[in-house]
Each structure stands twice: as C-alpha cells, then as structure tokens.
All heavy atoms as atom14 arrays in JSON, in Angstrom:
{
  "sequence": "DHAAVVPNPYTGQGVMPRHIQSHWIAVRRRMATSDAWREYWATM",
  "atom14_mask": [
    [1, 1, 1, 1, 1, 1, 1, 1, 0, 0, 0, 0, 0, 0],
    [1, 1, 1, 1, 1, 1, 1, 1, 1, 1, 0, 0, 0, 0],
    [1, 1, 1, 1, 1, 0, 0, 0, 0, 0, 0, 0, 0, 0],
    [1, 1, 1, 1, 1, 0, 0, 0, 0, 0, 0, 0, 0, 0],
    [1, 1, 1, 1, 1, 1, 1, 0, 0, 0, 0, 0, 0, 0],
    [1, 1, 1, 1, 1, 1, 1, 0, 0, 0, 0, 0, 0, 0],
    [1, 1, 1, 1, 1, 1, 1, 0, 0, 0, 0, 0, 0, 0],
    [1, 1, 1, 1, 1, 1, 1, 1, 0, 0, 0, 0, 0, 0],
    [1, 1, 1, 1, 1, 1, 1, 0, 0, 0, 0, 0, 0, 0],
    [1, 1, 1, 1, 1, 1, 1, 1, 1, 1, 1, 1, 0, 0],
    [1, 1, 1, 1, 1, 1, 1, 0, 0, 0, 0, 0, 0, 0],
    [1, 1, 1, 1, 0, 0, 0, 0, 0, 0, 0, 0, 0, 0],
    [1, 1, 1, 1, 1, 1, 1, 1, 1, 0, 0, 0, 0, 0],
    [1, 1, 1, 1, 0, 0, 0, 0, 0, 0, 0, 0, 0, 0],
    [1, 1, 1, 1, 1, 1, 1, 0, 0, 0, 0, 0, 0, 0],
    [1, 1, 1, 1, 1, 1, 1, 1, 0, 0, 0, 0, 0, 0],
    [1, 1, 1, 1, 1, 1, 1, 0, 0, 0, 0, 0, 0, 0],
    [1, 1, 1, 1, 1, 1, 1, 1, 1, 1, 1, 0, 0, 0],
    [1, 1, 1, 1, 1, 1, 1, 1, 1, 1, 0, 0, 0, 0],
    [1, 1, 1, 1, 1, 1, 1, 1, 0, 0, 0, 0, 0, 0],
    [1, 1, 1, 1, 1, 1, 1, 1, 1, 0, 0, 0, 0, 0],
    [1, 1, 1, 1, 1, 1, 0, 0, 0, 0, 0, 0, 0, 0],
    [1, 1, 1, 1, 1, 1, 1, 1, 1, 1, 0, 0, 0, 0],
    [1, 1, 1, 1, 1, 1, 1, 1, 1, 1, 1, 1, 1, 1],
    [1, 1, 1, 1, 1, 1, 1, 1, 0, 0, 0, 0, 0, 0],
    [1, 1, 1, 1, 1, 0, 0, 0, 0, 0, 0, 0, 0, 0],
    [1, 1, 1, 1, 1, 1, 1, 0, 0, 0, 0, 0, 0, 0],
    [1, 1, 1, 1, 1, 1, 1, 1, 1, 1, 1, 0, 0, 0],
    [1, 1, 1, 1, 1, 1, 1, 1, 1, 1, 1, 0, 0, 0],
    [1, 1, 1, 1, 1, 1, 1, 1, 1, 1, 1, 0, 0, 0],
    [1, 1, 1, 1, 1, 1, 1, 1, 0, 0, 0, 0, 0, 0],
    [1, 1, 1, 1, 1, 0, 0, 0, 0, 0, 0, 0, 0, 0],
    [1, 1, 1, 1, 1, 1, 1, 0, 0, 0, 0, 0, 0, 0],
    [1, 1, 1, 1, 1, 1, 0, 0, 0, 0, 0, 0, 0, 0],
    [1, 1, 1, 1, 1, 1, 1, 1, 0, 0, 0, 0, 0, 0],
    [1, 1, 1, 1, 1, 0, 0, 0, 0, 0, 0, 0, 0, 0],
    [1, 1, 1, 1, 1, 1, 1, 1, 1, 1, 1, 1, 1, 1],
    [1, 1, 1, 1, 1, 1, 1, 1, 1, 1, 1, 0, 0, 0],
    [1, 1, 1, 1, 1, 1, 1, 1, 1, 0, 0, 0, 0, 0],
    [1, 1, 1, 1, 1, 1, 1, 1, 1, 1, 1, 1, 0, 0],
    [1, 1, 1, 1, 1, 1, 1, 1, 1, 1, 1, 1, 1, 1],
    [1, 1, 1, 1, 1, 0, 0, 0, 0, 0, 0, 0, 0, 0],
    [1, 1, 1, 1, 1, 1, 1, 0, 0, 0, 0, 0, 0, 0],
    [1, 1, 1, 1, 1, 1, 1, 1, 0, 0, 0, 0, 0, 0]
  ],
  "atom14_positions": [
    [[-7.21, 8.25, 4.26], [-5.83, 8.01, 3.84], [-4.89, 8.87, 4.68], [-5.32, 9.71, 5.47], [-5.63, 8.23, 2.34], [-5.92, 9.67, 1.89], [-6.15, 10.54, 2.76], [-5.93, 9.92, 0.67], [0.0, 0.0, 0.0], [0.0, 0.0, 0.0], [0.0, 0.0, 0.0], [0.0, 0.0, 0.0], [0.0, 0.0, 0.0], [0.0, 0.0, 0.0]],
    [[-3.61, 8.61, 4.49], [-2.54, 9.32, 5.2], [-1.69, 9.99, 4.15], [-1.28, 9.36, 3.18], [-1.72, 8.31, 6.01], [-0.79, 8.92, 7.03], [0.3, 9.68, 6.68], [-0.79, 8.87, 8.39], [0.94, 10.06, 7.78], [0.29, 9.59, 8.83], [0.0, 0.0, 0.0], [0.0, 0.0, 0.0], [0.0, 0.0, 0.0], [0.0, 0.0, 0.0]],
    [[-1.42, 11.29, 4.31], [-0.62, 12.01, 3.33], [0.83, 11.55, 3.38], [1.28, 10.92, 4.33], [-0.72, 13.52, 3.6], [0.0, 0.0, 0.0], [0.0, 0.0, 0.0], [0.0, 0.0, 0.0], [0.0, 0.0, 0.0], [0.0, 0.0, 0.0], [0.0, 0.0, 0.0], [0.0, 0.0, 0.0], [0.0, 0.0, 0.0], [0.0, 0.0, 0.0]],
    [[1.57, 11.9, 2.31], [2.99, 11.55, 2.25], [3.76, 12.26, 3.36], [3.41, 13.37, 3.77], [3.55, 11.93, 0.88], [0.0, 0.0, 0.0], [0.0, 0.0, 0.0], [0.0, 0.0, 0.0], [0.0, 0.0, 0.0], [0.0, 0.0, 0.0], [0.0, 0.0, 0.0], [0.0, 0.0, 0.0], [0.0, 0.0, 0.0], [0.0, 0.0, 0.0]],
    [[4.82, 11.61, 3.85], [5.66, 12.17, 4.91], [7.12, 12.04, 4.51], [7.56, 10.98, 4.04], [5.43, 11.44, 6.25], [6.35, 12.02, 7.32], [3.99, 11.55, 6.68], [0.0, 0.0, 0.0], [0.0, 0.0, 0.0], [0.0, 0.0, 0.0], [0.0, 0.0, 0.0], [0.0, 0.0, 0.0], [0.0, 0.0, 0.0], [0.0, 0.0, 0.0]],
    [[7.88, 13.13, 4.68], [9.31, 13.16, 4.38], [10.06, 13.66, 5.62], [9.72, 14.71, 6.17], [9.61, 14.09, 3.19], [11.12, 14.08, 2.88], [8.81, 13.69, 1.95], [0.0, 0.0, 0.0], [0.0, 0.0, 0.0], [0.0, 0.0, 0.0], [0.0, 0.0, 0.0], [0.0, 0.0, 0.0], [0.0, 0.0, 0.0], [0.0, 0.0, 0.0]],
    [[11.07, 12.92, 6.12], [11.44, 11.58, 5.66], [10.48, 10.54, 6.2], [9.67, 10.84, 7.09], [12.83, 11.39, 6.26], [12.79, 12.19, 7.54], [11.94, 13.39, 7.21], [0.0, 0.0, 0.0], [0.0, 0.0, 0.0], [0.0, 0.0, 0.0], [0.0, 0.0, 0.0], [0.0, 0.0, 0.0], [0.0, 0.0, 0.0], [0.0, 0.0, 0.0]],
    [[10.58, 9.33, 5.7], [9.75, 8.24, 6.19], [10.05, 8.03, 7.68], [11.2, 7.76, 8.05], [10.06, 6.96, 5.41], [9.11, 5.83, 5.73], [8.71, 5.63, 6.87], [8.73, 5.06, 4.72], [0.0, 0.0, 0.0], [0.0, 0.0, 0.0], [0.0, 0.0, 0.0], [0.0, 0.0, 0.0], [0.0, 0.0, 0.0], [0.0, 0.0, 0.0]],
    [[9.06, 8.2, 8.56], [9.33, 8.1, 10.0], [9.75, 6.71, 10.45], [10.28, 6.56, 11.56], [7.99, 8.51, 10.63], [6.96, 8.24, 9.59], [7.64, 8.49, 8.28], [0.0, 0.0, 0.0], [0.0, 0.0, 0.0], [0.0, 0.0, 0.0], [0.0, 0.0, 0.0], [0.0, 0.0, 0.0], [0.0, 0.0, 0.0], [0.0, 0.0, 0.0]],
    [[9.52, 5.7, 9.61], [9.87, 4.33, 10.01], [11.23, 3.89, 9.48], [11.78, 2.89, 9.94], [8.78, 3.36, 9.55], [7.49, 3.58, 10.29], [6.52, 4.44, 9.79], [7.26, 3.0, 11.53], [5.34, 4.68, 10.49], [6.1, 3.23, 12.24], [5.15, 4.08, 11.71], [4.0, 4.33, 12.42], [0.0, 0.0, 0.0], [0.0, 0.0, 0.0]],
    [[11.77, 4.63, 8.5], [13.09, 4.28, 7.97], [14.09, 5.41, 8.18], [15.3, 5.19, 8.06], [13.0, 3.95, 6.48], [12.57, 5.12, 5.76], [12.02, 2.81, 6.23], [0.0, 0.0, 0.0], [0.0, 0.0, 0.0], [0.0, 0.0, 0.0], [0.0, 0.0, 0.0], [0.0, 0.0, 0.0], [0.0, 0.0, 0.0], [0.0, 0.0, 0.0]],
    [[13.59, 6.63, 8.44], [14.47, 7.77, 8.63], [14.98, 8.38, 7.35], [15.79, 9.31, 7.38], [0.0, 0.0, 0.0], [0.0, 0.0, 0.0], [0.0, 0.0, 0.0], [0.0, 0.0, 0.0], [0.0, 0.0, 0.0], [0.0, 0.0, 0.0], [0.0, 0.0, 0.0], [0.0, 0.0, 0.0], [0.0, 0.0, 0.0], [0.0, 0.0, 0.0]],
    [[14.52, 7.88, 6.22], [14.99, 8.4, 4.94], [13.91, 8.2, 3.88], [12.95, 7.46, 4.08], [16.26, 7.68, 4.49], [16.1, 6.18, 4.36], [17.42, 5.47, 4.11], [18.47, 6.1, 4.07], [17.37, 4.17, 3.94], [0.0, 0.0, 0.0], [0.0, 0.0, 0.0], [0.0, 0.0, 0.0], [0.0, 0.0, 0.0], [0.0, 0.0, 0.0]],
    [[14.07, 8.9, 2.75], [13.11, 8.73, 1.67], [11.73, 9.29, 2.03], [11.59, 10.14, 2.9], [0.0, 0.0, 0.0], [0.0, 0.0, 0.0], [0.0, 0.0, 0.0], [0.0, 0.0, 0.0], [0.0, 0.0, 0.0], [0.0, 0.0, 0.0], [0.0, 0.0, 0.0], [0.0, 0.0, 0.0], [0.0, 0.0, 0.0], [0.0, 0.0, 0.0]],
    [[10.73, 8.77, 1.36], [9.36, 9.25, 1.5], [8.44, 8.1, 1.92], [8.52, 7.01, 1.35], [8.83, 9.85, 0.18], [7.39, 10.35, 0.34], [9.74, 10.97, -0.31], [0.0, 0.0, 0.0], [0.0, 0.0, 0.0], [0.0, 0.0, 0.0], [0.0, 0.0, 0.0], [0.0, 0.0, 0.0], [0.0, 0.0, 0.0], [0.0, 0.0, 0.0]],
    [[7.6, 8.34, 2.91], [6.49, 7.44, 3.14], [5.35, 7.96, 2.28], [4.83, 9.05, 2.51], [6.06, 7.43, 4.62], [4.93, 6.42, 4.88], [4.51, 6.2, 6.64], [3.59, 7.72, 6.93], [0.0, 0.0, 0.0], [0.0, 0.0, 0.0], [0.0, 0.0, 0.0], [0.0, 0.0, 0.0], [0.0, 0.0, 0.0], [0.0, 0.0, 0.0]],
    [[4.96, 7.21, 1.26], [4.0, 7.74, 0.29], [2.6, 7.89, 0.89], [2.26, 7.26, 1.89], [4.01, 6.69, -0.83], [4.43, 5.43, -0.16], [5.39, 5.84, 0.92], [0.0, 0.0, 0.0], [0.0, 0.0, 0.0], [0.0, 0.0, 0.0], [0.0, 0.0, 0.0], [0.0, 0.0, 0.0], [0.0, 0.0, 0.0], [0.0, 0.0, 0.0]],
    [[1.81, 8.73, 0.22], [0.4, 8.82, 0.57], [-0.23, 7.45, 0.39], [0.05, 6.74, -0.56], [-0.27, 9.87, -0.32], [-1.78, 9.87, -0.28], [-2.34, 9.21, -1.54], [-3.75, 8.87, -1.38], [-4.41, 8.06, -2.21], [-3.79, 7.51, -3.23], [-5.68, 7.79, -1.99], [0.0, 0.0, 0.0], [0.0, 0.0, 0.0], [0.0, 0.0, 0.0]],
    [[-1.08, 7.05, 1.36], [-1.63, 5.7, 1.29], [-2.98, 5.6, 1.97], [-3.25, 6.29, 2.96], [-0.67, 4.68, 1.93], [-0.35, 4.98, 3.36], [0.67, 5.82, 3.74], [-0.92, 4.55, 4.54], [0.72, 5.91, 5.06], [-0.23, 5.15, 5.56], [0.0, 0.0, 0.0], [0.0, 0.0, 0.0], [0.0, 0.0, 0.0], [0.0, 0.0, 0.0]],
    [[-3.84, 4.75, 1.43], [-5.11, 4.41, 2.07], [-4.78, 3.64, 3.35], [-3.93, 2.76, 3.35], [-5.99, 3.57, 1.13], [-6.46, 4.43, -0.04], [-7.17, 2.97, 1.87], [-7.17, 3.65, -1.13], [0.0, 0.0, 0.0], [0.0, 0.0, 0.0], [0.0, 0.0, 0.0], [0.0, 0.0, 0.0], [0.0, 0.0, 0.0], [0.0, 0.0, 0.0]],
    [[-5.47, 3.98, 4.42], [-5.16, 3.33, 5.7], [-5.79, 1.95, 5.77], [-6.92, 1.72, 5.31], [-5.62, 4.24, 6.84], [-4.78, 5.52, 6.88], [-5.19, 6.45, 7.99], [-6.21, 7.11, 7.9], [-4.38, 6.52, 9.04], [0.0, 0.0, 0.0], [0.0, 0.0, 0.0], [0.0, 0.0, 0.0], [0.0, 0.0, 0.0], [0.0, 0.0, 0.0]],
    [[-5.05, 1.03, 6.37], [-5.39, -0.4, 6.26], [-6.51, -0.84, 7.17], [-6.88, -2.01, 7.15], [-4.14, -1.25, 6.55], [-3.68, -1.04, 7.87], [0.0, 0.0, 0.0], [0.0, 0.0, 0.0], [0.0, 0.0, 0.0], [0.0, 0.0, 0.0], [0.0, 0.0, 0.0], [0.0, 0.0, 0.0], [0.0, 0.0, 0.0], [0.0, 0.0, 0.0]],
    [[-7.1, 0.08, 7.97], [-8.23, -0.37, 8.79], [-9.46, -0.66, 7.93], [-10.4, -1.31, 8.4], [-8.57, 0.65, 9.89], [-8.69, 2.06, 9.42], [-7.78, 3.03, 9.75], [-9.62, 2.68, 8.66], [-8.15, 4.18, 9.22], [-9.26, 4.0, 8.55], [0.0, 0.0, 0.0], [0.0, 0.0, 0.0], [0.0, 0.0, 0.0], [0.0, 0.0, 0.0]],
    [[-9.46, -0.17, 6.67], [-10.61, -0.41, 5.79], [-10.15, -0.22, 4.35], [-10.0, 0.92, 3.89], [-11.74, 0.56, 6.13], [-13.03, 0.4, 5.37], [-13.22, 0.15, 4.04], [-14.35, 0.51, 5.93], [-14.54, 0.1, 3.73], [-15.27, 0.33, 4.87], [-14.84, 0.77, 7.21], [-16.65, 0.38, 5.06], [-16.21, 0.84, 7.39], [-17.11, 0.63, 6.34]],
    [[-9.9, -1.3, 3.64], [-9.54, -1.24, 2.21], [-10.48, -2.16, 1.44], [-10.53, -3.37, 1.69], [-8.09, -1.67, 1.95], [-7.11, -0.76, 2.7], [-7.79, -1.64, 0.45], [-5.64, -1.14, 2.52], [0.0, 0.0, 0.0], [0.0, 0.0, 0.0], [0.0, 0.0, 0.0], [0.0, 0.0, 0.0], [0.0, 0.0, 0.0], [0.0, 0.0, 0.0]],
    [[-11.23, -1.57, 0.52], [-12.15, -2.33, -0.34], [-11.5, -2.53, -1.71], [-10.92, -1.6, -2.27], [-13.46, -1.58, -0.48], [0.0, 0.0, 0.0], [0.0, 0.0, 0.0], [0.0, 0.0, 0.0], [0.0, 0.0, 0.0], [0.0, 0.0, 0.0], [0.0, 0.0, 0.0], [0.0, 0.0, 0.0], [0.0, 0.0, 0.0], [0.0, 0.0, 0.0]],
    [[-11.62, -3.75, -2.24], [-10.97, -4.11, -3.5], [-12.01, -4.71, -4.44], [-12.71, -5.67, -4.08], [-9.82, -5.11, -3.27], [-9.16, -5.49, -4.59], [-8.79, -4.53, -2.3], [0.0, 0.0, 0.0], [0.0, 0.0, 0.0], [0.0, 0.0, 0.0], [0.0, 0.0, 0.0], [0.0, 0.0, 0.0], [0.0, 0.0, 0.0], [0.0, 0.0, 0.0]],
    [[-12.1, -4.17, -5.67], [-13.05, -4.68, -6.65], [-12.51, -5.92, -7.35], [-11.31, -6.21, -7.34], [-13.37, -3.57, -7.67], [-13.94, -2.29, -7.02], [-15.43, -2.35, -6.84], [-15.96, -1.36, -5.91], [-16.2, -0.07, -6.19], [-15.92, 0.41, -7.39], [-16.72, 0.71, -5.27], [0.0, 0.0, 0.0], [0.0, 0.0, 0.0], [0.0, 0.0, 0.0]],
    [[-13.43, -6.64, -8.02], [-13.1, -7.94, -8.6], [-11.91, -7.86, -9.57], [-11.05, -8.73, -9.58], [-14.32, -8.54, -9.31], [-14.02, -9.93, -9.91], [-15.14, -10.47, -10.78], [-16.27, -10.93, -9.99], [-17.48, -10.37, -9.99], [-17.7, -9.29, -10.76], [-18.45, -10.85, -9.27], [0.0, 0.0, 0.0], [0.0, 0.0, 0.0], [0.0, 0.0, 0.0]],
    [[-11.87, -6.84, -10.42], [-10.79, -6.76, -11.42], [-9.42, -6.83, -10.77], [-8.5, -7.48, -11.29], [-10.92, -5.47, -12.23], [-9.92, -5.36, -13.38], [-10.19, -4.12, -14.22], [-9.51, -2.95, -13.71], [-8.27, -2.57, -14.1], [-7.61, -3.31, -14.98], [-7.73, -1.49, -13.61], [0.0, 0.0, 0.0], [0.0, 0.0, 0.0], [0.0, 0.0, 0.0]],
    [[-9.29, -6.18, -9.65], [-7.99, -6.17, -8.96], [-7.81, -7.43, -8.11], [-6.72, -8.01, -8.05], [-7.89, -4.92, -8.09], [-6.57, -4.76, -7.36], [-6.44, -3.08, -6.69], [-5.73, -3.42, -5.09], [0.0, 0.0, 0.0], [0.0, 0.0, 0.0], [0.0, 0.0, 0.0], [0.0, 0.0, 0.0], [0.0, 0.0, 0.0], [0.0, 0.0, 0.0]],
    [[-8.88, -7.89, -7.44], [-8.78, -9.04, -6.53], [-8.52, -10.35, -7.25], [-8.13, -11.34, -6.62], [-10.04, -9.14, -5.69], [0.0, 0.0, 0.0], [0.0, 0.0, 0.0], [0.0, 0.0, 0.0], [0.0, 0.0, 0.0], [0.0, 0.0, 0.0], [0.0, 0.0, 0.0], [0.0, 0.0, 0.0], [0.0, 0.0, 0.0], [0.0, 0.0, 0.0]],
    [[-8.76, -10.4, -8.57], [-8.51, -11.62, -9.34], [-7.34, -11.46, -10.29], [-7.12, -12.31, -11.16], [-9.77, -12.01, -10.14], [-10.14, -10.92, -11.0], [-10.93, -12.34, -9.21], [0.0, 0.0, 0.0], [0.0, 0.0, 0.0], [0.0, 0.0, 0.0], [0.0, 0.0, 0.0], [0.0, 0.0, 0.0], [0.0, 0.0, 0.0], [0.0, 0.0, 0.0]],
    [[-6.57, -10.38, -10.14], [-5.48, -10.09, -11.06], [-4.19, -10.8, -10.67], [-4.01, -11.24, -9.53], [-5.22, -8.58, -11.1], [-4.7, -8.14, -9.85], [0.0, 0.0, 0.0], [0.0, 0.0, 0.0], [0.0, 0.0, 0.0], [0.0, 0.0, 0.0], [0.0, 0.0, 0.0], [0.0, 0.0, 0.0], [0.0, 0.0, 0.0], [0.0, 0.0, 0.0]],
    [[-3.27, -10.89, -11.63], [-1.94, -11.44, -11.36], [-1.19, -10.54, -10.37], [-0.42, -11.03, -9.54], [-1.14, -11.55, -12.66], [-1.68, -12.63, -13.58], [-2.38, -13.55, -13.09], [-1.41, -12.56, -14.8], [0.0, 0.0, 0.0], [0.0, 0.0, 0.0], [0.0, 0.0, 0.0], [0.0, 0.0, 0.0], [0.0, 0.0, 0.0], [0.0, 0.0, 0.0]],
    [[-1.43, -9.22, -10.48], [-0.76, -8.29, -9.58], [-1.16, -8.55, -8.13], [-0.34, -8.49, -7.2], [-1.1, -6.85, -9.97], [0.0, 0.0, 0.0], [0.0, 0.0, 0.0], [0.0, 0.0, 0.0], [0.0, 0.0, 0.0], [0.0, 0.0, 0.0], [0.0, 0.0, 0.0], [0.0, 0.0, 0.0], [0.0, 0.0, 0.0], [0.0, 0.0, 0.0]],
    [[-2.44, -8.86, -7.91], [-2.93, -9.18, -6.57], [-2.24, -10.41, -6.01], [-1.76, -10.43, -4.86], [-4.44, -9.37, -6.64], [-5.13, -9.69, -5.34], [-5.56, -10.92, -4.94], [-5.48, -8.78, -4.29], [-6.17, -10.84, -3.71], [-6.12, -9.53, -3.29], [-5.3, -7.41, -4.11], [-6.6, -8.95, -2.11], [-5.77, -6.83, -2.93], [-6.41, -7.59, -1.95]],
    [[-2.16, -11.43, -6.83], [-1.5, -12.67, -6.38], [-0.02, -12.43, -6.12], [0.55, -12.95, -5.15], [-1.71, -13.77, -7.42], [-3.13, -14.32, -7.45], [-3.27, -15.5, -8.4], [-3.24, -15.07, -9.81], [-4.3, -14.68, -10.49], [-5.49, -14.67, -9.91], [-4.2, -14.32, -11.75], [0.0, 0.0, 0.0], [0.0, 0.0, 0.0], [0.0, 0.0, 0.0]],
    [[0.61, -11.63, -6.97], [2.04, -11.34, -6.79], [2.28, -10.57, -5.49], [3.24, -10.85, -4.76], [2.55, -10.52, -7.98], [4.03, -10.14, -7.84], [4.48, -9.16, -8.93], [3.7, -8.88, -9.86], [5.62, -8.66, -8.82], [0.0, 0.0, 0.0], [0.0, 0.0, 0.0], [0.0, 0.0, 0.0], [0.0, 0.0, 0.0], [0.0, 0.0, 0.0]],
    [[1.42, -9.59, -5.21], [1.59, -8.77, -4.01], [1.63, -9.63, -2.76], [2.53, -9.49, -1.92], [0.44, -7.75, -3.92], [0.51, -6.87, -2.7], [1.3, -5.73, -2.69], [-0.23, -7.17, -1.54], [1.36, -4.91, -1.56], [-0.18, -6.36, -0.42], [0.62, -5.23, -0.43], [0.68, -4.43, 0.68], [0.0, 0.0, 0.0], [0.0, 0.0, 0.0]],
    [[0.69, -10.54, -2.63], [0.62, -11.36, -1.43], [1.66, -12.47, -1.43], [2.21, -12.81, -0.37], [-0.78, -11.95, -1.27], [-1.8, -10.88, -0.98], [-2.73, -10.41, -1.84], [-1.95, -10.15, 0.23], [-3.48, -9.41, -1.25], [-3.02, -9.24, 0.03], [-1.32, -10.16, 1.46], [-3.45, -8.35, 1.02], [-1.74, -9.29, 2.44], [-2.8, -8.4, 2.23]],
    [[2.0, -13.0, -2.61], [2.98, -14.08, -2.67], [4.38, -13.61, -2.33], [5.2, -14.38, -1.82], [2.96, -14.71, -4.06], [0.0, 0.0, 0.0], [0.0, 0.0, 0.0], [0.0, 0.0, 0.0], [0.0, 0.0, 0.0], [0.0, 0.0, 0.0], [0.0, 0.0, 0.0], [0.0, 0.0, 0.0], [0.0, 0.0, 0.0], [0.0, 0.0, 0.0]],
    [[4.68, -12.34, -2.62], [6.03, -11.81, -2.39], [6.13, -11.0, -1.1], [7.15, -10.36, -0.86], [6.45, -10.92, -3.57], [5.51, -9.84, -3.73], [6.5, -11.74, -4.87], [0.0, 0.0, 0.0], [0.0, 0.0, 0.0], [0.0, 0.0, 0.0], [0.0, 0.0, 0.0], [0.0, 0.0, 0.0], [0.0, 0.0, 0.0], [0.0, 0.0, 0.0]],
    [[5.09, -11.01, -0.3], [5.11, -10.26, 0.96], [6.19, -10.81, 1.89], [6.22, -12.01, 2.18], [3.74, -10.35, 1.65], [3.65, -9.59, 2.98], [3.77, -7.81, 2.79], [2.27, -7.47, 1.82], [0.0, 0.0, 0.0], [0.0, 0.0, 0.0], [0.0, 0.0, 0.0], [0.0, 0.0, 0.0], [0.0, 0.0, 0.0], [0.0, 0.0, 0.0]]
  ]
}
C-alpha cells in the first residue's frame, strides 16, 4: 500500500488517502457480489 500524502500531489490540496496499490488487489466474494461493488464501477 501507499501511505497518506498531504497535500494530494495530483490535486495540490487535501489528502491523498492511504490506499492499497492497484497492481494487485484481491477481492472476496462478499464484496465482489455486493451492491457497493456494482455502484463503484457503475459510477466511475
């Protein structure tokens, strides 16, 4: 993961939150079949 950074280097303000890096993200069934999962991708 990547630790939080202040300010966000891509916006110049606020916080870039701590986040798992996207080169490898594993998702279990409970989350991959959830409404939240569908909402995340549908509103991208």
